[in-house]
Amino acid sequence: MNLRVNGGEYQVEAAVGRSLAGVLRDDLGLAGTKVACGEGHCGACTVQLDGVPVLSCITLVHTVGAREVTTIEGLRDHSLVDAFVAHDALQCGFCTPGQIVSAAALVAANPEPSREDIRHGMAGNLCRCGAYRRIEEAIATWRA
């Protein structure tokens, strides 16, 4: 099957039932997408499909079709990365890729989100270190 990832096209062999996260990490070497819970509860594996955040650990790769997959590697030059660093919006960093991928989709849809918009838009991303206040601040003060 063909996968469109971060602006490139890749031919992959993937059995039915294989997760998008597994293909991204194991077949394409895009290890920025993290798998923590493996059940779609934590958001660490968040990627975008045509700009919409999805949980790649529970997204079956054969359902992706021709949609564009954007991973944290595809967002490495996004100004949110600098905002997260400036606001120390990470501790261990494990959830950070999923947080940034979700935040990028949020600000693409709403460039000036309210605090409530941010809390709602980021609700699917857990941070075991508790950096929520700094994550919110990074998104609230972000500018393109």
Protein backbone atom coordinates (compact mmCIF):
# COMPACT_ATOMS: atom_id res chain seq x y z
CA MET A 1 0.00 0.00 0.00
CA ASN A 2 1.01 3.63 -0.46
CA LEU A 3 1.18 6.00 2.50
CA ARG A 4 1.50 9.77 2.24
CA VAL A 5 3.54 10.92 5.23
CA ASN A 6 4.96 14.40 5.88
CA GLY A 7 4.76 15.31 2.20
CA GLY A 8 6.42 12.13 0.93
CA GLU A 9 4.96 8.94 -0.49
CA TYR A 10 6.01 5.55 0.83
CA GLN A 11 5.29 2.02 -0.33
CA VAL A 12 4.75 -0.25 2.68
CA GLU A 13 3.73 -3.85 3.16
CA ALA A 14 1.32 -3.94 6.05
CA ALA A 15 -0.94 -6.75 7.15
CA VAL A 16 -4.58 -5.95 7.83
CA GLY A 17 -4.94 -5.15 11.52
CA ARG A 18 -1.59 -3.38 11.82
CA SER A 19 -1.62 0.01 13.53
CA LEU A 20 -0.55 3.23 11.87
CA ALA A 21 1.80 3.84 14.81
CA GLY A 22 3.53 0.52 14.23
CA VAL A 23 4.09 1.22 10.54
CA LEU A 24 5.31 4.76 11.19
CA ARG A 25 7.77 3.65 13.87
CA ASP A 26 8.89 0.23 12.69
CA ASP A 27 8.68 0.46 8.91
CA LEU A 28 9.35 4.15 8.24
CA GLY A 29 11.64 4.85 11.20
CA LEU A 30 9.56 7.82 12.39
CA ALA A 31 10.14 7.18 16.08
CA GLY A 32 8.84 10.58 17.19
CA THR A 33 5.36 9.09 17.34
CA LYS A 34 5.27 7.48 20.77
CA VAL A 35 3.17 4.55 21.92
CA ALA A 36 2.41 4.60 25.62
CA CYS A 37 -0.93 3.01 26.49
CA GLY A 38 -1.49 1.29 23.14
CA GLU A 39 -5.23 1.64 23.68
CA GLY A 40 -6.03 5.19 22.56
CA HIS A 41 -6.33 6.67 26.04
CA CYS A 42 -3.25 8.88 26.43
CA GLY A 43 -2.63 10.77 23.17
CA ALA A 44 1.12 10.10 23.04
CA CYS A 45 0.68 8.53 19.59
CA THR A 46 -1.26 11.45 18.10
CA VAL A 47 -0.66 12.19 14.41
CA GLN A 48 -2.76 14.16 11.97
CA LEU A 49 -4.77 12.71 9.10
CA ASP A 50 -5.50 15.54 6.68
CA GLY A 51 -4.94 17.97 9.56
CA VAL A 52 -7.20 16.19 12.06
CA PRO A 53 -5.61 14.64 15.17
CA VAL A 54 -6.00 10.86 15.43
CA LEU A 55 -4.64 8.25 17.79
CA SER A 56 -2.28 6.22 15.63
CA CYS A 57 -2.03 3.31 18.06
CA ILE A 58 -5.69 2.43 17.37
CA THR A 59 -5.87 3.62 13.76
CA LEU A 60 -5.50 0.69 11.41
CA VAL A 61 -3.03 1.54 8.67
CA HIS A 62 -5.19 0.06 5.93
CA THR A 63 -7.94 2.61 6.78
CA VAL A 64 -5.70 5.61 6.05
CA GLY A 65 -6.10 5.45 2.28
CA ALA A 66 -4.90 8.50 0.37
CA ARG A 67 -5.07 10.87 3.35
CA GLU A 68 -1.95 12.81 4.34
CA VAL A 69 -0.34 11.69 7.59
CA THR A 70 1.55 14.37 9.52
CA THR A 71 3.82 13.29 12.36
CA ILE A 72 5.94 15.30 14.77
CA GLU A 73 8.80 14.98 12.27
CA GLY A 74 6.67 16.84 9.76
CA LEU A 75 6.15 19.64 12.28
CA ARG A 76 9.77 20.07 13.34
CA ASP A 77 9.85 23.64 11.97
CA HIS A 78 6.45 24.63 13.40
CA SER A 79 6.67 27.64 15.72
CA LEU A 80 4.82 25.69 18.43
CA VAL A 81 8.00 23.68 18.97
CA ASP A 82 9.79 26.88 19.98
CA ALA A 83 6.83 27.93 22.14
CA PHE A 84 6.93 24.61 24.02
CA VAL A 85 10.66 25.05 24.64
CA ALA A 86 10.31 28.71 25.66
CA HIS A 87 7.61 27.85 28.20
CA ASP A 88 9.33 24.69 29.44
CA ALA A 89 6.15 22.85 28.44
CA LEU A 90 7.76 19.45 28.83
CA GLN A 91 9.49 17.46 31.47
CA CYS A 92 10.24 13.89 30.47
CA GLY A 93 9.23 14.75 26.89
CA PHE A 94 7.47 11.47 26.15
CA CYS A 95 4.05 13.05 25.57
CA THR A 96 5.47 16.15 23.87
CA PRO A 97 5.26 14.93 20.25
CA GLY A 98 1.57 14.09 20.64
CA GLN A 99 0.95 17.34 22.49
CA ILE A 100 2.55 19.40 19.71
CA VAL A 101 0.74 17.49 16.94
CA SER A 102 -2.60 18.12 18.69
CA ALA A 103 -1.74 21.75 19.40
CA ALA A 104 -0.74 22.34 15.76
CA ALA A 105 -4.14 21.08 14.60
CA LEU A 106 -5.84 23.27 17.21
CA VAL A 107 -4.10 26.49 16.15
CA ALA A 108 -4.55 25.66 12.45
CA ALA A 109 -8.30 25.57 13.06
CA ASN A 110 -8.30 28.46 15.55
CA PRO A 111 -5.16 30.68 15.47
CA GLU A 112 -6.19 32.52 18.64
CA PRO A 113 -7.76 29.91 20.90
CA SER A 114 -9.15 30.90 24.29
CA ARG A 115 -7.95 29.09 27.40
CA GLU A 116 -11.16 27.05 27.32
CA ASP A 117 -10.56 26.20 23.63
CA ILE A 118 -7.06 25.02 24.53
CA ARG A 119 -8.24 22.89 27.44
CA HIS A 120 -10.95 21.33 25.30
CA GLY A 121 -8.70 20.82 22.27
CA MET A 122 -5.92 19.24 24.31
CA ALA A 123 -8.11 17.08 26.56
CA GLY A 124 -7.10 13.88 24.77
CA ASN A 125 -3.40 14.32 25.54
CA LEU A 126 -2.21 13.21 28.96
CA CYS A 127 1.00 14.40 30.60
CA ARG A 128 2.13 12.18 33.45
CA CYS A 129 4.58 14.88 34.55
CA GLY A 130 1.79 17.43 35.01
CA ALA A 131 3.09 20.16 32.70
CA TYR A 132 -0.47 21.15 31.72
CA ARG A 133 -0.22 24.77 32.84
CA ARG A 134 2.97 25.31 30.81
CA ILE A 135 1.54 23.49 27.80
CA GLU A 136 -1.52 25.74 27.94
CA GLU A 137 0.69 28.81 28.25
CA ALA A 138 2.82 27.76 25.26
CA ILE A 139 -0.28 27.38 23.09
CA ALA A 140 -1.96 30.54 24.40
CA THR A 141 1.07 32.71 23.63
CA TRP A 142 2.01 30.97 20.37
CA ARG A 143 2.29 33.07 17.26
CA ALA A 144 3.07 31.87 13.76
